[in-house]
């Protein structure tokens, strides 16, 4: 009576290991980009919660935004990436920026991020 073998071969195990390793490698490149994006959103939300943020001069709001962003060591967002648009209840702050990180060789990982936050006269959402 023959027994049937079960399990994976060494070659299959190595192939799975390579795929998982590559996925972890790419994830390590993407994670900081997304952490920075969530820091940008948190900084925008913090500015929106400032009392009277809708009446603020856009330059003052931008200064507050970058002060909050500096605490999270974010350096991808530049002043040219921040725009303000007048709305009925105050201002709409828009941030649009791109992050490019080298992956391997001549391949880069590129992320384009956009976020919007209303700055209302009352300072809340």
N, C-alpha and C. Protein backbone atom coordinates (compact mmCIF):
# COMPACT_ATOMS: atom_id res chain seq x y z
N UNK A 1 0.84 -1.17 0.00
CA UNK A 1 0.00 0.00 0.00
C UNK A 1 0.90 1.26 0.00
N UNK A 2 0.77 2.12 -1.02
CA UNK A 2 1.56 3.34 -1.13
C UNK A 2 0.86 4.49 -0.40
N UNK A 3 1.69 5.29 0.24
CA UNK A 3 1.15 6.50 0.89
C UNK A 3 1.33 7.69 -0.04
N UNK A 4 0.36 8.55 -0.06
CA UNK A 4 0.40 9.75 -0.89
C UNK A 4 1.09 10.87 -0.09
N UNK A 5 2.08 11.50 -0.68
CA UNK A 5 2.78 12.57 0.01
C UNK A 5 1.96 13.86 -0.06
N UNK A 6 2.07 14.62 0.99
CA UNK A 6 1.37 15.90 1.04
C UNK A 6 2.37 17.00 1.36
N UNK A 7 2.04 18.23 1.00
CA UNK A 7 2.91 19.36 1.28
C UNK A 7 3.44 19.97 0.01
N UNK A 8 4.34 20.94 0.18
CA UNK A 8 4.90 21.62 -0.99
C UNK A 8 6.37 21.25 -1.12
N UNK A 9 6.87 21.36 -2.31
CA UNK A 9 8.27 21.06 -2.57
C UNK A 9 9.12 22.26 -2.19
N UNK A 10 10.41 22.07 -2.13
CA UNK A 10 11.33 23.15 -1.81
C UNK A 10 11.24 24.26 -2.86
N UNK A 11 11.11 23.89 -4.11
CA UNK A 11 11.00 24.88 -5.19
C UNK A 11 9.74 25.72 -5.03
N UNK A 12 8.63 25.10 -4.70
CA UNK A 12 7.38 25.84 -4.49
C UNK A 12 7.51 26.77 -3.28
N UNK A 13 8.16 26.28 -2.23
CA UNK A 13 8.35 27.10 -1.04
C UNK A 13 9.19 28.33 -1.35
N UNK A 14 10.25 28.15 -2.13
CA UNK A 14 11.11 29.29 -2.51
C UNK A 14 10.36 30.28 -3.39
N UNK A 15 9.52 29.79 -4.29
CA UNK A 15 8.73 30.68 -5.14
C UNK A 15 7.78 31.51 -4.30
N UNK A 16 7.13 30.88 -3.33
CA UNK A 16 6.22 31.61 -2.44
C UNK A 16 7.00 32.63 -1.61
N UNK A 17 8.17 32.24 -1.15
CA UNK A 17 9.01 33.13 -0.36
C UNK A 17 9.43 34.36 -1.17
N UNK A 18 9.76 34.18 -2.44
CA UNK A 18 10.14 35.30 -3.30
C UNK A 18 8.96 36.25 -3.50
N UNK A 19 7.78 35.72 -3.74
CA UNK A 19 6.59 36.56 -3.95
C UNK A 19 6.26 37.35 -2.68
N UNK A 20 6.29 36.68 -1.54
CA UNK A 20 5.99 37.36 -0.27
C UNK A 20 7.07 38.40 0.03
N UNK A 21 8.33 38.07 -0.23
CA UNK A 21 9.42 39.02 0.00
C UNK A 21 9.28 40.26 -0.87
N UNK A 22 8.92 40.06 -2.13
CA UNK A 22 8.73 41.21 -3.03
C UNK A 22 7.56 42.07 -2.56
N UNK A 23 6.47 41.45 -2.13
CA UNK A 23 5.32 42.21 -1.63
C UNK A 23 5.70 43.01 -0.38
N UNK A 24 6.49 42.44 0.50
CA UNK A 24 6.95 43.17 1.69
C UNK A 24 7.88 44.32 1.30
N UNK A 25 8.74 44.10 0.33
CA UNK A 25 9.65 45.14 -0.14
C UNK A 25 8.87 46.33 -0.69
N UNK A 26 7.88 46.07 -1.53
CA UNK A 26 7.06 47.15 -2.10
C UNK A 26 6.26 47.83 -0.98
N UNK A 27 5.74 47.04 -0.05
CA UNK A 27 4.99 47.61 1.07
C UNK A 27 5.84 48.54 1.92
N UNK A 28 7.12 48.20 2.09
CA UNK A 28 8.01 49.07 2.87
C UNK A 28 8.28 50.39 2.15
N UNK A 29 8.17 50.40 0.84
CA UNK A 29 8.32 51.65 0.09
C UNK A 29 7.04 52.49 0.13
N UNK A 30 5.89 51.82 0.14
CA UNK A 30 4.61 52.53 0.09
C UNK A 30 4.14 53.03 1.45
N UNK A 31 4.44 52.31 2.50
CA UNK A 31 3.93 52.66 3.83
C UNK A 31 4.31 54.08 4.26
N UNK A 32 5.58 54.51 4.14
CA UNK A 32 5.90 55.89 4.53
C UNK A 32 5.16 56.95 3.72
N UNK A 33 4.90 56.65 2.45
CA UNK A 33 4.17 57.61 1.62
C UNK A 33 2.75 57.81 2.15
N UNK A 34 2.10 56.71 2.52
CA UNK A 34 0.74 56.81 3.03
C UNK A 34 0.70 57.36 4.45
N UNK A 35 1.71 57.09 5.26
CA UNK A 35 1.78 57.69 6.59
C UNK A 35 1.89 59.20 6.48
N UNK A 36 2.67 59.65 5.52
CA UNK A 36 2.81 61.09 5.30
C UNK A 36 1.49 61.70 4.84
N UNK A 37 0.77 60.99 3.97
CA UNK A 37 -0.52 61.48 3.49
C UNK A 37 -1.51 61.63 4.65
N UNK A 38 -1.54 60.66 5.56
CA UNK A 38 -2.44 60.76 6.71
C UNK A 38 -2.00 61.88 7.65
N UNK A 39 -0.70 62.17 7.72
CA UNK A 39 -0.22 63.31 8.49
C UNK A 39 -0.68 64.63 7.86
N UNK A 40 -0.69 64.68 6.53
CA UNK A 40 -1.18 65.87 5.81
C UNK A 40 -2.66 66.08 6.12
N UNK A 41 -3.44 65.01 6.05
CA UNK A 41 -4.88 65.12 6.34
C UNK A 41 -5.12 65.54 7.79
N UNK A 42 -4.33 65.02 8.72
CA UNK A 42 -4.48 65.39 10.12
C UNK A 42 -4.12 66.86 10.34
N UNK A 43 -3.08 67.33 9.66
CA UNK A 43 -2.70 68.74 9.78
C UNK A 43 -3.78 69.65 9.21
N UNK A 44 -4.40 69.25 8.10
CA UNK A 44 -5.48 70.04 7.51
C UNK A 44 -6.67 70.08 8.45
N UNK A 45 -6.99 68.95 9.04
CA UNK A 45 -8.12 68.89 9.97
C UNK A 45 -7.84 69.75 11.19
N UNK A 46 -6.59 69.76 11.65
CA UNK A 46 -6.21 70.60 12.79
C UNK A 46 -6.37 72.08 12.49
N UNK A 47 -6.00 72.49 11.30
CA UNK A 47 -6.17 73.90 10.91
C UNK A 47 -7.66 74.24 10.84
N UNK A 48 -8.47 73.31 10.33
CA UNK A 48 -9.91 73.54 10.21
C UNK A 48 -10.56 73.68 11.58
N UNK A 49 -9.99 73.08 12.61
CA UNK A 49 -10.57 73.15 13.94
C UNK A 49 -10.13 74.39 14.72
N UNK A 50 -9.22 75.14 14.16
CA UNK A 50 -8.81 76.40 14.80
C UNK A 50 -10.00 77.36 14.81
N UNK A 51 -10.23 78.05 15.93
CA UNK A 51 -11.34 79.02 15.98
C UNK A 51 -11.16 80.12 14.93
N UNK A 52 -12.21 80.36 14.18
CA UNK A 52 -12.19 81.41 13.17
C UNK A 52 -11.34 81.08 11.96
N UNK A 53 -11.15 79.83 11.66
CA UNK A 53 -10.28 79.47 10.54
C UNK A 53 -10.83 79.95 9.20
N UNK A 54 -12.14 80.12 9.10
CA UNK A 54 -12.73 80.59 7.85
C UNK A 54 -12.45 82.06 7.59
N UNK A 55 -12.14 82.81 8.65
CA UNK A 55 -11.83 84.23 8.51
C UNK A 55 -10.34 84.49 8.38
N UNK A 56 -9.55 83.46 8.54
CA UNK A 56 -8.09 83.62 8.47
C UNK A 56 -7.63 84.00 7.08
N UNK A 57 -6.54 84.72 7.07
CA UNK A 57 -5.85 84.98 5.81
C UNK A 57 -5.26 83.65 5.33
N UNK A 58 -5.35 83.33 4.04
CA UNK A 58 -4.78 82.06 3.56
C UNK A 58 -3.31 81.87 3.93
N UNK A 59 -2.54 82.93 3.97
CA UNK A 59 -1.13 82.81 4.34
C UNK A 59 -0.99 82.35 5.79
N UNK A 60 -1.86 82.83 6.66
CA UNK A 60 -1.84 82.41 8.07
C UNK A 60 -2.25 80.93 8.19
N UNK A 61 -3.29 80.54 7.46
CA UNK A 61 -3.74 79.15 7.49
C UNK A 61 -2.65 78.23 6.94
N UNK A 62 -1.97 78.66 5.89
CA UNK A 62 -0.89 77.86 5.32
C UNK A 62 0.27 77.74 6.32
N UNK A 63 0.57 78.82 7.03
CA UNK A 63 1.62 78.78 8.05
C UNK A 63 1.26 77.79 9.16
N UNK A 64 0.01 77.82 9.62
CA UNK A 64 -0.44 76.87 10.64
C UNK A 64 -0.35 75.43 10.13
N UNK A 65 -0.72 75.23 8.88
CA UNK A 65 -0.67 73.91 8.28
C UNK A 65 0.76 73.36 8.27
N UNK A 66 1.71 74.18 7.83
CA UNK A 66 3.09 73.71 7.75
C UNK A 66 3.72 73.55 9.14
N UNK A 67 3.29 74.33 10.11
CA UNK A 67 3.77 74.12 11.48
C UNK A 67 3.32 72.76 12.00
N UNK A 68 2.07 72.42 11.74
CA UNK A 68 1.56 71.12 12.16
C UNK A 68 2.24 69.99 11.38
N UNK A 69 2.51 70.23 10.12
CA UNK A 69 3.14 69.21 9.28
C UNK A 69 4.60 68.99 9.69
N UNK A 70 5.27 70.05 10.14
CA UNK A 70 6.67 69.91 10.56
C UNK A 70 6.81 68.97 11.76
N UNK A 71 5.79 68.88 12.58
CA UNK A 71 5.85 68.00 13.75
C UNK A 71 5.89 66.53 13.34
N UNK A 72 5.38 66.22 12.16
CA UNK A 72 5.39 64.83 11.69
C UNK A 72 6.54 64.56 10.72
N UNK A 73 7.47 65.49 10.61
CA UNK A 73 8.66 65.34 9.76
C UNK A 73 8.30 65.06 8.30
N UNK A 74 7.28 65.71 7.83
CA UNK A 74 6.87 65.55 6.44
C UNK A 74 7.61 66.58 5.60
N UNK A 75 8.20 66.14 4.50
CA UNK A 75 8.95 67.08 3.66
C UNK A 75 8.57 67.02 2.18
N UNK A 76 7.55 66.26 1.85
CA UNK A 76 7.14 66.14 0.44
C UNK A 76 6.21 67.27 0.00
N UNK A 77 5.48 67.86 0.93
CA UNK A 77 4.53 68.92 0.59
C UNK A 77 5.26 70.25 0.63
N UNK A 78 5.15 70.98 -0.45
CA UNK A 78 5.78 72.30 -0.58
C UNK A 78 4.69 73.37 -0.61
N UNK A 79 5.03 74.62 -0.31
CA UNK A 79 4.01 75.69 -0.33
C UNK A 79 3.27 75.81 -1.67
N UNK A 80 3.93 75.49 -2.77
CA UNK A 80 3.27 75.58 -4.08
C UNK A 80 2.18 74.51 -4.24
N UNK A 81 2.20 73.47 -3.40
CA UNK A 81 1.22 72.39 -3.47
C UNK A 81 -0.08 72.71 -2.74
N UNK A 82 -0.11 73.82 -2.02
CA UNK A 82 -1.28 74.19 -1.20
C UNK A 82 -2.00 75.34 -1.89
N UNK A 83 -3.30 75.15 -2.12
CA UNK A 83 -4.14 76.17 -2.78
C UNK A 83 -5.35 76.45 -1.90
N UNK A 84 -5.85 77.67 -1.99
CA UNK A 84 -7.05 78.06 -1.26
C UNK A 84 -8.09 78.57 -2.24
N UNK A 85 -9.31 78.18 -2.00
CA UNK A 85 -10.43 78.59 -2.84
C UNK A 85 -11.50 79.17 -1.93
N UNK A 86 -12.02 80.33 -2.29
CA UNK A 86 -13.06 80.97 -1.49
C UNK A 86 -14.38 80.24 -1.68
N UNK A 87 -15.04 79.91 -0.58
CA UNK A 87 -16.38 79.31 -0.60
C UNK A 87 -17.28 80.16 0.29
N UNK A 88 -18.57 79.90 0.27
CA UNK A 88 -19.53 80.73 1.00
C UNK A 88 -19.25 80.78 2.50
N UNK A 89 -18.84 79.68 3.08
CA UNK A 89 -18.65 79.64 4.54
C UNK A 89 -17.21 79.89 4.97
N UNK A 90 -16.32 80.21 4.06
CA UNK A 90 -14.93 80.48 4.42
C UNK A 90 -13.98 80.15 3.30
N UNK A 91 -13.11 79.16 3.51
CA UNK A 91 -12.11 78.75 2.53
C UNK A 91 -12.13 77.24 2.35
N UNK A 92 -11.72 76.82 1.17
CA UNK A 92 -11.48 75.39 0.93
C UNK A 92 -9.99 75.26 0.66
N UNK A 93 -9.34 74.47 1.50
CA UNK A 93 -7.90 74.25 1.38
C UNK A 93 -7.68 72.96 0.58
N UNK A 94 -6.87 73.06 -0.47
CA UNK A 94 -6.59 71.90 -1.33
C UNK A 94 -5.08 71.66 -1.34
N UNK A 95 -4.72 70.40 -1.10
CA UNK A 95 -3.31 70.01 -1.15
C UNK A 95 -3.18 68.90 -2.19
N UNK A 96 -2.30 69.10 -3.15
CA UNK A 96 -2.06 68.12 -4.20
C UNK A 96 -0.55 68.02 -4.40
N UNK A 97 0.00 66.83 -4.16
CA UNK A 97 1.44 66.66 -4.28
C UNK A 97 1.78 65.26 -4.77
N UNK A 98 3.02 65.12 -5.18
CA UNK A 98 3.49 63.84 -5.72
C UNK A 98 4.74 63.41 -4.96
N UNK A 99 4.83 62.11 -4.67
CA UNK A 99 6.00 61.55 -4.00
C UNK A 99 6.59 60.49 -4.91
N UNK A 100 7.88 60.57 -5.11
CA UNK A 100 8.59 59.60 -5.96
C UNK A 100 9.71 58.99 -5.13
N UNK A 101 9.64 57.68 -4.94
CA UNK A 101 10.67 56.97 -4.17
C UNK A 101 11.32 55.92 -5.07
N UNK A 102 12.65 55.86 -5.07
CA UNK A 102 13.32 54.84 -5.86
C UNK A 102 13.03 53.45 -5.29
N UNK A 103 12.73 52.49 -6.17
CA UNK A 103 12.44 51.14 -5.71
C UNK A 103 13.67 50.26 -5.91
N UNK A 104 14.05 50.04 -7.15
CA UNK A 104 15.28 49.29 -7.44
C UNK A 104 15.72 49.62 -8.86
N UNK A 105 16.99 49.76 -9.01
CA UNK A 105 17.51 50.09 -10.34
C UNK A 105 16.95 51.42 -10.83
N UNK A 106 16.38 51.39 -12.02
CA UNK A 106 15.79 52.61 -12.56
C UNK A 106 14.26 52.62 -12.42
N UNK A 107 13.72 51.82 -11.52
CA UNK A 107 12.28 51.80 -11.25
C UNK A 107 11.96 52.64 -10.02
N UNK A 108 10.93 53.46 -10.14
CA UNK A 108 10.47 54.30 -9.03
C UNK A 108 9.04 53.96 -8.69
N UNK A 109 8.69 54.21 -7.43
CA UNK A 109 7.30 54.14 -6.99
C UNK A 109 6.83 55.58 -6.91
N UNK A 110 5.73 55.89 -7.59
CA UNK A 110 5.22 57.25 -7.62
C UNK A 110 3.82 57.26 -7.01
N UNK A 111 3.61 58.17 -6.09
CA UNK A 111 2.29 58.34 -5.49
C UNK A 111 1.82 59.77 -5.69
N UNK A 112 0.60 59.94 -6.15
CA UNK A 112 0.01 61.27 -6.30
C UNK A 112 -1.13 61.37 -5.29
N UNK A 113 -1.04 62.34 -4.42
CA UNK A 113 -1.99 62.47 -3.32
C UNK A 113 -2.72 63.81 -3.40
N UNK A 114 -4.02 63.77 -3.10
CA UNK A 114 -4.85 64.97 -3.07
C UNK A 114 -5.74 64.93 -1.84
N UNK A 115 -5.90 66.08 -1.21
CA UNK A 115 -6.80 66.17 -0.06
C UNK A 115 -7.42 67.55 -0.05
N UNK A 116 -8.66 67.63 0.46
CA UNK A 116 -9.37 68.89 0.57
C UNK A 116 -9.94 69.00 1.98
N UNK A 117 -10.00 70.23 2.48
CA UNK A 117 -10.58 70.49 3.79
C UNK A 117 -11.22 71.87 3.78
N UNK A 118 -12.45 71.94 4.23
CA UNK A 118 -13.11 73.24 4.33
C UNK A 118 -12.71 73.91 5.64
N UNK A 119 -12.37 75.18 5.52
CA UNK A 119 -12.09 76.01 6.70
C UNK A 119 -13.30 76.94 6.86
N UNK A 120 -14.14 76.62 7.81
CA UNK A 120 -15.38 77.39 7.97
C UNK A 120 -15.19 78.52 8.96
N UNK A 121 -16.12 79.46 8.91
CA UNK A 121 -16.04 80.62 9.77
C UNK A 121 -16.07 80.27 11.25
N UNK A 122 -16.80 79.24 11.58
CA UNK A 122 -16.90 78.86 12.99
C UNK A 122 -15.69 78.07 13.47
N UNK A 123 -14.92 77.55 12.57
CA UNK A 123 -13.72 76.81 12.94
C UNK A 123 -13.94 75.32 13.04
N UNK A 124 -15.13 74.81 12.97
CA UNK A 124 -15.39 73.38 13.05
C UNK A 124 -15.85 72.83 11.74
N UNK A 125 -16.13 71.55 11.70
CA UNK A 125 -16.63 70.91 10.47
C UNK A 125 -18.11 70.77 10.48
